[in-house]
Every structure is written in C-alpha cells, then in structure tokens.
Protein backbone atom coordinates (compact mmCIF):
# COMPACT_ATOMS: atom_id res chain seq x y z
CA MET A 1 -22.97 -58.57 22.24
CA GLU A 2 -25.02 -58.51 19.04
CA THR A 3 -24.94 -56.08 16.12
CA PRO A 4 -27.41 -55.92 13.16
CA LEU A 5 -24.80 -57.82 11.21
CA GLY A 6 -24.17 -60.46 13.86
CA LYS A 7 -21.57 -60.84 16.57
CA PHE A 8 -18.40 -58.72 16.78
CA PRO A 9 -15.34 -60.59 15.40
CA LYS A 10 -12.99 -61.99 17.93
CA LEU A 11 -10.06 -59.68 18.46
CA HIS A 12 -6.43 -60.79 18.72
CA LYS A 13 -4.80 -59.91 22.00
CA THR A 14 -2.51 -57.16 20.73
CA PRO A 15 -0.68 -55.22 23.50
CA ILE A 16 -2.49 -51.91 24.15
CA ILE A 17 0.64 -49.79 23.93
CA LEU A 18 1.35 -51.06 20.41
CA VAL A 19 -2.19 -50.14 19.39
CA LEU A 20 -1.92 -46.58 20.77
CA ALA A 21 1.53 -46.10 19.12
CA THR A 22 0.15 -47.20 15.76
CA PHE A 23 -2.86 -44.92 16.12
CA ALA A 24 -0.70 -41.97 16.93
CA LEU A 25 1.63 -42.58 13.96
CA VAL A 26 -1.24 -42.79 11.50
CA THR A 27 -2.76 -39.66 12.89
CA ILE A 28 0.49 -37.73 12.52
CA VAL A 29 0.94 -38.93 8.95
CA LEU A 30 -2.62 -37.91 8.02
CA LEU A 31 -2.23 -34.47 9.64
CA CYS A 32 0.99 -33.81 7.96
CA ASN A 33 -0.48 -34.66 4.59
CA THR A 34 -3.42 -32.40 5.19
CA LEU A 35 -1.34 -29.43 6.18
CA GLN A 36 1.48 -29.92 3.68
CA GLY A 37 1.89 -26.69 1.74
CA TYR A 38 -0.07 -24.72 4.22
CA LEU A 39 2.30 -24.50 7.14
CA TYR A 40 5.99 -24.12 7.71
CA LEU A 41 7.80 -24.49 10.99
CA PRO A 42 10.04 -21.53 11.81
CA GLN A 43 13.52 -22.52 12.87
CA ASP A 44 13.52 -19.78 15.46
CA LEU A 45 10.53 -20.46 17.60
CA SER A 46 10.92 -17.17 19.46
CA LYS A 47 9.67 -15.34 16.36
CA PRO A 48 6.01 -15.31 15.33
CA PRO A 49 5.19 -17.71 12.48
CA PRO A 50 3.82 -16.35 9.17
CA SER A 51 0.12 -15.73 9.26
CA ASP A 52 -0.45 -17.09 5.77
CA ASN A 53 -0.12 -20.22 3.76
CA GLY A 54 3.49 -19.74 2.73
CA GLU A 55 6.69 -21.74 2.96
CA LEU A 56 10.35 -20.97 3.22
CA ARG A 57 12.62 -22.06 0.35
CA GLY A 58 16.18 -21.27 0.95
CA SER A 59 16.14 -17.74 2.16
CA LYS A 60 13.00 -16.67 0.20
CA TYR A 61 9.37 -16.76 1.16
CA VAL A 62 7.24 -17.71 -1.72
CA ALA A 63 3.48 -18.18 -2.03
CA VAL A 64 2.21 -21.71 -2.44
CA THR A 65 -1.34 -20.67 -3.48
CA THR A 66 -2.01 -22.05 -6.92
CA LYS A 67 -5.43 -20.40 -7.31
CA LYS A 68 -5.31 -17.28 -9.42
CA CYS A 69 -6.81 -14.36 -7.53
CA ASP A 70 -7.24 -10.66 -8.03
CA ILE A 71 -6.27 -9.62 -4.48
CA PHE A 72 -7.40 -6.01 -5.15
CA SER A 73 -11.09 -6.86 -5.72
CA GLY A 74 -12.98 -7.55 -2.50
CA GLU A 75 -14.64 -6.12 0.58
CA TRP A 76 -13.74 -5.14 4.09
CA VAL A 77 -14.63 -7.69 6.77
CA PRO A 78 -14.51 -7.49 10.56
CA ASN A 79 -11.15 -8.23 12.26
CA PRO A 80 -11.73 -8.10 16.01
CA ASP A 81 -8.06 -8.91 16.69
CA GLY A 82 -6.81 -5.57 15.17
CA PRO A 83 -4.96 -3.38 15.45
CA TYR A 84 -1.42 -4.74 15.72
CA TYR A 85 0.20 -1.64 17.08
CA THR A 86 -1.11 1.47 18.81
CA ASN A 87 -0.35 5.15 18.83
CA THR A 88 1.50 4.58 22.12
CA THR A 89 3.70 1.74 20.84
CA CYS A 90 4.78 3.35 17.57
CA TRP A 91 6.75 6.62 17.49
CA ALA A 92 6.51 6.96 13.70
CA ILE A 93 2.93 8.25 13.55
CA HIS A 94 2.71 11.79 12.25
CA GLU A 95 0.84 14.01 14.62
CA HIS A 96 -1.85 14.84 12.12
CA GLN A 97 -2.58 11.10 11.63
CA ASN A 98 -2.52 10.33 15.39
CA CYS A 99 -6.28 10.09 15.66
CA MET A 100 -6.49 8.31 18.96
CA LYS A 101 -4.17 10.75 20.69
CA TYR A 102 -6.37 13.69 19.65
CA GLY A 103 -9.61 12.17 20.91
CA ARG A 104 -11.29 10.12 18.23
CA PRO A 105 -13.99 8.48 20.23
CA ASP A 106 -14.67 5.36 18.12
CA THR A 107 -12.23 2.45 17.51
CA GLU A 108 -14.12 0.23 15.10
CA PHE A 109 -12.32 1.74 12.09
CA MET A 110 -9.20 -0.11 13.28
CA LYS A 111 -10.85 -3.51 13.30
CA TRP A 112 -11.32 -4.45 9.63
CA ARG A 113 -9.23 -6.37 7.14
CA TRP A 114 -9.36 -6.59 3.43
CA LYS A 115 -10.92 -9.84 2.01
CA PRO A 116 -10.41 -10.51 -1.71
CA ASP A 117 -13.33 -12.06 -3.48
CA ASP A 118 -11.61 -15.28 -4.49
CA CYS A 119 -8.92 -15.91 -1.87
CA GLU A 120 -7.59 -14.81 1.49
CA LEU A 121 -5.06 -11.98 1.86
CA PRO A 122 -2.79 -12.85 4.81
CA LEU A 123 -2.31 -10.24 7.42
CA PHE A 124 1.05 -8.50 7.57
CA ASP A 125 3.78 -10.67 9.13
CA PRO A 126 6.72 -8.36 10.19
CA THR A 127 9.27 -11.14 10.51
CA GLN A 128 8.43 -12.56 7.11
CA PHE A 129 8.61 -9.10 5.51
CA LEU A 130 12.06 -8.39 7.01
CA GLU A 131 13.35 -11.76 5.95
CA ILE A 132 12.26 -11.19 2.34
CA VAL A 133 13.85 -7.69 2.25
CA ARG A 134 17.00 -8.61 4.15
CA GLY A 135 19.93 -6.74 2.63
CA LYS A 136 17.69 -4.63 0.36
CA SER A 137 16.28 -1.15 0.18
CA MET A 138 12.93 0.47 -0.53
CA ALA A 139 12.09 4.04 -1.57
CA PHE A 140 8.69 5.76 -1.12
CA VAL A 141 8.59 8.43 -3.89
CA GLY A 142 5.73 10.90 -3.94
CA ASP A 143 3.56 12.98 -1.59
CA SER A 144 2.52 12.89 2.07
CA VAL A 145 0.13 9.98 1.47
CA GLY A 146 3.12 8.03 0.37
CA ARG A 147 4.87 9.10 3.62
CA ASN A 148 1.74 7.99 5.42
CA HIS A 149 2.29 4.53 3.86
CA MET A 150 5.91 4.38 4.97
CA GLN A 151 4.94 5.30 8.53
CA SER A 152 2.40 2.45 8.57
CA LEU A 153 5.15 0.12 7.49
CA ILE A 154 7.46 1.24 10.26
CA CYS A 155 4.70 0.80 12.84
CA LEU A 156 3.86 -2.74 11.57
CA LEU A 157 7.57 -3.62 11.64
CA SER A 158 7.95 -2.22 15.14
CA ARG A 159 6.78 -5.57 16.59
CA VAL A 160 10.16 -6.94 15.50
CA GLU A 161 12.52 -4.03 15.30
CA TYR A 162 12.76 -0.23 15.13
CA PRO A 163 15.03 1.32 12.50
CA ILE A 164 17.75 3.87 13.14
CA ASP A 165 17.94 7.20 11.38
CA VAL A 166 20.64 7.23 8.69
CA SER A 167 19.37 10.34 6.80
CA TYR A 168 21.86 12.34 4.73
CA THR A 169 20.04 15.62 5.47
CA PRO A 170 17.99 17.08 8.28
CA ASP A 171 15.15 17.82 5.79
CA GLU A 172 12.17 15.85 6.95
CA HIS A 173 11.10 15.38 3.28
CA PHE A 174 14.14 13.14 2.66
CA LYS A 175 14.50 10.55 5.36
CA ARG A 176 16.33 7.28 5.50
CA TRP A 177 15.93 4.53 8.04
CA ARG A 178 17.88 1.29 8.49
CA TYR A 179 16.93 -1.96 10.18
CA THR A 180 20.35 -3.00 11.36
CA THR A 181 19.55 -6.67 12.10
CA TYR A 182 18.24 -7.16 8.59
CA ASN A 183 20.47 -4.53 6.74
CA PHE A 184 17.23 -3.18 5.27
CA THR A 185 16.85 0.50 4.39
CA ILE A 186 13.68 2.46 3.72
CA ALA A 187 13.67 6.07 2.48
CA THR A 188 11.13 8.73 1.53
CA PHE A 189 11.57 11.23 -1.30
CA TRP A 190 9.26 14.24 -1.31
CA THR A 191 8.03 14.99 -4.81
CA PRO A 192 4.27 15.70 -4.71
CA HIS A 193 4.18 16.41 -8.49
CA LEU A 194 6.84 13.88 -9.52
CA VAL A 195 8.42 16.38 -11.87
CA LYS A 196 10.52 19.52 -11.54
CA THR A 197 8.29 22.08 -9.68
CA GLU A 198 8.59 25.67 -8.42
CA GLN A 199 6.12 27.61 -6.30
CA ALA A 200 5.12 30.62 -8.29
CA ASP A 201 2.74 32.15 -5.68
CA ALA A 202 2.41 31.11 -2.05
CA ASN A 203 -1.22 32.01 -2.10
CA GLY A 204 -2.63 31.53 -5.64
CA PRO A 205 -6.25 31.48 -6.81
CA THR A 206 -7.30 28.71 -4.44
CA HIS A 207 -5.18 29.90 -1.50
CA THR A 208 -3.15 26.67 -1.63
CA GLY A 209 -0.30 28.01 -3.78
CA LEU A 210 0.33 28.36 -7.52
CA PHE A 211 2.91 25.99 -8.90
CA ASN A 212 5.01 25.90 -12.09
CA LEU A 213 5.12 22.30 -13.25
CA TYR A 214 7.80 21.47 -15.75
CA LEU A 215 6.02 18.46 -17.09
CA ASP A 216 8.84 17.13 -19.31
CA GLU A 217 11.71 17.65 -16.79
CA PHE A 218 12.91 15.15 -14.18
CA ASP A 219 12.82 16.10 -10.51
CA GLU A 220 16.47 15.37 -9.76
CA GLU A 221 15.84 15.52 -6.00
CA TRP A 222 14.73 11.85 -6.36
CA THR A 223 15.70 10.70 -9.86
CA THR A 224 19.41 11.06 -9.03
CA GLN A 225 19.06 9.11 -5.77
CA ILE A 226 17.28 5.85 -6.51
CA ASP A 227 19.70 3.95 -8.73
CA ASP A 228 20.71 1.50 -5.90
CA PHE A 229 17.24 0.84 -4.49
CA ASP A 230 15.67 -2.53 -4.91
CA TYR A 231 12.10 -1.35 -4.64
CA ILE A 232 10.43 1.95 -5.58
CA ILE A 233 6.89 2.73 -4.49
CA ILE A 234 5.74 5.75 -6.46
CA ASN A 235 2.54 7.70 -5.95
CA ALA A 236 0.94 11.14 -6.65
CA GLY A 237 -2.48 12.58 -6.76
CA HIS A 238 -3.91 15.20 -4.44
CA TRP A 239 -1.42 17.92 -5.22
CA PHE A 240 -2.67 18.07 -8.76
CA PHE A 241 -5.95 19.48 -7.53
CA ARG A 242 -3.99 22.74 -6.75
CA SER A 243 -3.58 25.59 -9.18
CA SER A 244 -0.73 25.04 -11.55
CA ILE A 245 0.89 26.38 -14.65
CA TYR A 246 2.03 23.73 -17.12
CA TYR A 247 5.39 24.05 -18.86
CA GLU A 248 6.83 21.98 -21.70
CA SER A 249 10.15 22.71 -23.42
CA ARG A 250 10.38 25.62 -20.92
CA GLY A 251 7.27 27.26 -22.43
CA ILE A 252 3.74 27.61 -21.03
CA VAL A 253 1.34 25.17 -22.67
CA GLY A 254 -1.66 25.71 -20.34
CA CYS A 255 -2.65 25.59 -16.72
CA ARG A 256 -5.00 24.10 -14.17
CA TYR A 257 -7.27 26.90 -12.74
CA CYS A 258 -4.54 29.59 -12.81
CA LEU A 259 -6.91 32.42 -13.86
CA LEU A 260 -4.17 34.07 -15.98
CA ASP A 261 -4.95 35.96 -19.12
CA ASN A 262 -4.13 34.22 -22.40
CA VAL A 263 -3.38 30.89 -20.69
CA THR A 264 -5.58 27.99 -21.65
CA ASP A 265 -7.17 26.14 -18.78
CA LEU A 266 -6.47 22.41 -19.29
CA PRO A 267 -8.07 19.43 -17.49
CA MET A 268 -6.24 18.17 -14.44
CA SER A 269 -5.55 14.87 -16.18
CA TYR A 270 -3.37 16.64 -18.74
CA GLY A 271 -0.71 17.56 -16.14
CA TYR A 272 -1.20 14.32 -14.24
CA ARG A 273 -0.59 12.19 -17.33
CA LYS A 274 2.48 14.16 -18.41
CA ALA A 275 3.96 14.01 -14.86
CA PHE A 276 3.61 10.24 -14.62
CA ARG A 277 4.97 9.77 -18.12
CA THR A 278 8.04 11.84 -17.24
CA ALA A 279 8.53 10.03 -13.90
CA PHE A 280 8.35 6.61 -15.53
CA ARG A 281 10.67 7.83 -18.29
CA ALA A 282 13.12 8.86 -15.63
CA ILE A 283 13.07 5.35 -14.04
CA ASN A 284 13.45 3.62 -17.38
CA SER A 285 16.36 5.87 -18.31
CA LEU A 286 18.50 5.04 -15.23
CA LYS A 287 21.60 3.13 -16.23
CA ASN A 288 22.18 1.30 -12.95
CA PHE A 289 18.74 0.78 -11.62
CA LYS A 290 17.73 -2.90 -11.57
CA GLY A 291 14.89 -2.87 -9.04
CA ILE A 292 11.16 -3.20 -9.16
CA THR A 293 8.85 -0.16 -9.46
CA TYR A 294 5.43 -0.29 -7.79
CA LEU A 295 2.80 2.22 -8.76
CA ARG A 296 0.60 2.69 -5.69
CA THR A 297 -2.66 3.90 -7.26
CA PHE A 298 -4.70 6.91 -6.38
CA ALA A 299 -6.39 6.81 -2.96
CA PRO A 300 -9.66 8.79 -3.03
CA SER A 301 -10.52 11.40 -0.43
CA HIS A 302 -14.00 11.33 1.20
CA PHE A 303 -15.23 14.87 1.75
CA GLU A 304 -18.92 14.99 2.39
CA ASN A 305 -21.34 17.93 2.79
CA GLY A 306 -18.90 20.33 1.13
CA VAL A 307 -15.51 20.43 -0.54
CA TRP A 308 -12.29 20.47 1.41
CA ASN A 309 -12.18 24.24 1.99
CA GLN A 310 -15.92 24.76 2.42
CA GLY A 311 -16.79 22.67 5.39
CA GLY A 312 -16.42 19.17 3.90
CA ASP A 313 -15.78 16.47 6.43
CA CYS A 314 -15.58 12.68 6.83
CA LYS A 315 -17.30 11.53 10.02
CA ARG A 316 -18.33 8.01 9.08
CA THR A 317 -17.36 5.21 11.45
CA ARG A 318 -17.69 2.07 9.22
CA PRO A 319 -16.61 0.99 5.74
CA VAL A 320 -19.11 0.81 2.93
CA LEU A 321 -19.78 -2.06 0.58
CA SER A 322 -18.73 -1.98 -3.11
CA ASN A 323 -22.33 -1.79 -4.20
CA GLU A 324 -23.02 1.27 -2.01
CA THR A 325 -20.61 3.74 -3.67
CA SER A 326 -18.89 4.73 -6.93
CA PHE A 327 -16.12 7.06 -8.06
CA GLU A 328 -16.42 10.70 -8.81
CA SER A 329 -15.64 11.35 -12.40
CA ILE A 330 -12.35 13.22 -11.82
CA GLU A 331 -11.10 10.41 -9.47
CA LEU A 332 -11.91 7.81 -12.05
CA GLU A 333 -10.17 9.85 -14.74
CA LEU A 334 -7.01 10.12 -12.65
CA TYR A 335 -7.10 6.44 -11.82
CA LEU A 336 -7.40 5.41 -15.46
CA THR A 337 -4.75 7.86 -16.51
CA GLN A 338 -2.36 6.19 -14.08
CA ILE A 339 -3.18 2.75 -15.42
CA GLU A 340 -2.60 3.86 -19.00
CA GLU A 341 0.81 5.45 -18.35
CA PHE A 342 1.70 2.48 -16.19
CA ARG A 343 1.11 0.08 -19.05
CA ILE A 344 3.28 2.18 -21.44
CA ALA A 345 6.11 2.33 -18.87
CA GLU A 346 5.84 -1.37 -18.15
CA LYS A 347 6.17 -2.14 -21.88
CA GLU A 348 9.25 0.01 -22.20
CA GLY A 349 10.81 -1.23 -19.09
CA LYS A 350 10.57 -4.82 -20.18
CA LYS A 351 12.94 -4.00 -23.06
CA LYS A 352 15.60 -3.15 -20.49
CA GLY A 353 14.80 -5.95 -18.11
CA LEU A 354 13.03 -3.70 -15.60
CA ARG A 355 9.93 -4.74 -13.66
CA PHE A 356 6.80 -2.71 -12.99
CA ARG A 357 4.04 -3.75 -10.59
CA LEU A 358 0.63 -2.30 -9.87
CA LEU A 359 -0.13 -1.88 -6.19
CA ASP A 360 -3.84 -1.16 -6.76
CA THR A 361 -5.19 0.33 -3.52
CA THR A 362 -7.92 2.35 -5.22
CA GLN A 363 -10.98 0.17 -4.78
CA ALA A 364 -10.10 -0.80 -1.19
CA MET A 365 -9.70 2.79 -0.15
CA LEU A 366 -12.78 4.02 -1.93
CA LEU A 367 -14.72 1.86 0.55
CA ARG A 368 -13.06 3.45 3.68
CA PRO A 369 -14.64 6.82 4.29
CA ASP A 370 -14.24 5.99 7.98
CA GLY A 371 -10.46 5.94 8.00
CA HIS A 372 -9.47 9.60 7.83
CA PRO A 373 -8.37 11.87 10.61
CA SER A 374 -11.08 14.47 10.00
CA THR A 375 -10.76 16.84 12.97
CA TYR A 376 -8.73 14.38 15.06
CA GLY A 377 -5.32 15.54 13.89
CA HIS A 378 -5.12 18.19 16.56
CA TRP A 379 -6.76 19.27 19.79
CA ALA A 380 -10.16 20.82 19.43
CA HIS A 381 -9.15 23.93 21.37
CA GLU A 382 -6.06 24.57 19.26
CA ASN A 383 -6.12 27.62 17.02
CA VAL A 384 -5.00 26.01 13.81
CA THR A 385 -5.65 26.74 10.15
CA LEU A 386 -5.85 23.05 9.10
CA TYR A 387 -8.94 21.96 7.25
CA ASN A 388 -10.67 18.73 8.07
CA ASP A 389 -8.33 15.96 6.80
CA CYS A 390 -10.18 13.48 4.62
CA VAL A 391 -7.10 12.82 2.46
CA HIS A 392 -4.62 11.15 4.82
CA TRP A 393 -5.29 8.03 6.98
CA CYS A 394 -5.40 7.44 10.72
CA LEU A 395 -2.71 5.21 12.10
CA PRO A 396 -3.47 2.46 13.01
CA GLY A 397 -6.06 2.29 10.27
CA PRO A 398 -7.06 0.99 6.84
CA ILE A 399 -3.84 2.13 5.20
CA ASP A 400 -2.13 -0.72 7.09
CA ALA A 401 -3.74 -3.05 4.51
CA TRP A 402 -1.42 -1.48 1.87
CA ASN A 403 1.37 -3.45 3.49
CA ASP A 404 -0.67 -6.55 3.42
CA PHE A 405 -0.81 -6.04 -0.36
CA LEU A 406 2.85 -5.21 -0.56
CA LEU A 407 4.06 -8.25 1.36
CA GLU A 408 1.83 -10.58 -0.74
CA MET A 409 3.28 -9.04 -3.89
CA LEU A 410 6.83 -9.45 -2.65
CA LYS A 411 6.15 -13.15 -2.05
CA MET A 412 4.61 -13.48 -5.49
CA GLU A 413 7.85 -12.37 -7.06
CA GLY A 414 9.21 -15.73 -6.16
CA GLU A 415 12.97 -16.44 -6.29
CA HIS A 416 13.57 -15.40 -9.89
CA GLY A 417 11.63 -12.20 -10.01
CA ARG A 418 8.60 -13.61 -11.73
CA LEU A 419 5.08 -13.28 -10.40
CA SER A 420 3.74 -16.73 -9.36
CA GLY A 421 0.66 -17.88 -7.61
CA TYR A 422 -1.72 -15.29 -9.02
CA GLU A 423 -1.86 -13.29 -12.30
CA HIS A 424 -0.70 -9.70 -12.10
CA LYS A 425 -3.93 -8.24 -13.42
CA LEU A 426 -4.03 -4.87 -15.20
CA TYR A 427 -7.63 -5.12 -16.17
CA LEU A 428 -10.62 -4.26 -13.99
CA SER A 429 -12.69 -7.16 -12.77
CA ASP A 430 -16.48 -6.90 -13.29
CA LYS A 431 -16.88 -5.99 -9.73
CA ARG A 432 -14.34 -3.20 -9.80
CA MET A 433 -15.74 -1.94 -13.07
CA ARG A 434 -19.11 -1.35 -11.42
CA LEU A 435 -17.42 1.04 -9.04
CA PHE A 436 -16.10 3.16 -11.93
CA LYS A 437 -19.49 3.81 -13.61
C-alpha cells in the first residue's frame, strides 16, 4: 500500500492487548492534565457534585479561578434547566411571592441565569454551600426583601435538607432555623429602617404610615443579637420611601414628606445615609463580633404606567439588556449612598479586624422587570387591599441568583478570610456606569 511519501514502515508484532492498554493509559493521563483544577471528585458520590470549577482543600471549598472578574457586571442569559425547586417542593415561599400558585401564566421568568461579562458564575450548589457554612450561622438583617432572600436560600438548600425551627419567639419577624446535619443556623431580623423606629401615625400623609426615625440610635432588636453570627447580610431601601420624621439627639432635624408645619422636608437620601451610618457603626462597635458583614445593595422596583399606589404594575415576561434601561435618579442616589457609607464602614472595620463585603445585586436586578409578583400574590377574586407588588420577587425567580453570588463570595474568602480569585471591586465598571447615567 503506497502513500505520497512511500510505503508504510514495517510494524513490529506487538501484542494487541499491550497496545490498547498503553493507549488507554495515555488517554487517562492527558484527560487528567486537561481537567486538573477544574474538577474534583466528591468522596460521597450520593451527593451532587459542585457545578463550578472549584476544589476541596481540607474542609474548605475555594475557588481556583485565577482570572479577575467583576461577577456583578453582566447580562441574563437563558437557562432552560431552571428552576431547581418549585412552589410545590418548597414550603418556605411566602404567599405573596408564590406566583405560580396564584396563576401566573408564563414560566420563562424562571429560566434565566446571570452571566458575568468576563467569567462564568456557577449555579448554586446546595451541598457545597452547606459544607462551607458547616458549624456557622448567618443573619439576614433588614426588610421583607431581605426575608425574600432568606426564603430563596431555604428553597435552594431544600434539595439537600430542610431546617428545623429553633426560634426564640413566635414573632414571624425574628425567626431562626437550623440545619441539624450541618449545624448551620440562619436567622432573620426585621428592621426595615435599620435604626430605632416608632410608628407615629398608622395612616400618615401617603396612607402607608408616618414613622419616627431616630437616625443616630441603634435598633437593639438586632444589634444586641448578632455578636455570635459568622455572617450578616444587611439591607434596607423601600421603607425609606414612606413618610418619616428624622430625629437626631432626640430632636427633630427634618422629615421626608411629613407635611408638618415648621419641619424641613429633607431628601430621602439624608435619612438613608444616616441610617446606614448608624447600622454600620453598631456592627463596628460590637465587642465580640468577628464575622463578615455583607451589604446587599438596593434592588430597584419596576412600576410602569403609574407609581405603586396609582395603578403602576410590572407585567413584563423577559429580562432587559443593560443597554435598554437605566436607573431612576432617586434609585441611583440611594445606591451610591450605600456604597459611600459602606466604604467608610469597611475602613473603620479593618482597624478592628472586621471584614465587610459588597453583595452588589443592583445591576442584575435592574434588568429583571419580569421577576415580580405583580397581581400574582393572591387570587384574582380575593377582596384584598394589596397593591401590585413590583418590589418583592417571585420564588422561584431571579432572586435565586443572589445566592449564586453569595456562594461564590464565600468561596472567594478562602481558608484565611482573604478574598482570592477575583478582586473585590468597589468601583463601577464602564458597563455598569452606563446604567447609572
């Protein structure tokens, strides 16, 4: 048999079984070299493997990605495999976020994932998360959107284990749950203004109540309870749109749309800034707290064709692209106020060995006008006084991505509490900056 270069060389008569064995060995070696650093083999094969390129070192999962990436800058891309739980498999979904139960006709809003511009964000792996937080505790401090986040986490973890209720009080605003197999506790602390607050008028000028906010005083309902927590996820936002009277040093300094004589109307950002400053000061003043504080940034609402109490609604069924939308001025102001106060708190915390991290969900959620309950938080025939809900998020839904972010950030801490694998960015990328114009 001829070739362009002449005859085939004569082959030695090597046993065929030896040839096959050698070929198999070479193939395995090449494959292992290719996958090294991208796979790990779980010791317990009954558990699902991690869905990312991570490895297990000792008892800690750490990221092995060396490329620096701003995981908070990106777009939503289709994820036909989602969701990873349903409203019938998870009991933790609040009724008003149970969109499928109450007849939402479309399902595409549950089939997207967040894709950073310069890397991949692994989907949430419940086993990996529970291994990382084994023996630890996590507190969600803030408003009902923070509770919405915690419920998403419970639902995602339900593929592995459900927690038991270990609450100290029957008050639904202060719940504690424990995952017994992993000795992991999560808790929610209701503090929608973060600081000491009293309701001055149940009705108020906007018919949503009038509140006295003591902007320089700690809310001891949570500040006295978090010393032993390993992680705090703090948030606040939408309650500051309500009418409030601002107090400092127990005296009135102004208000937000209180319509009281001789009381100066101040911008919403005034009270918002002071509240975060006081909350962060409370955390930095704790003597025994050694945990990590995550600021989960403001998640915009998506009312269209009217404000929340004048027929506004959110009926979209798909995400938007980053070049198709931008922030309203007040939402941008609140976001930047958070970032500024965060930076101050982080600098002060470092002096005491405390760690602050930015869980920046703002851009991702700006692009999800399709993810809210709207009218699907109750039956259409029910006589309820609820407005269309364009503030909270359907479960399952886009808020589940917050736990993708959270898990990735936990891995980035590494074994010694230092971020590794990507820079913890506090600046806005060029792409995100365009959204804020």
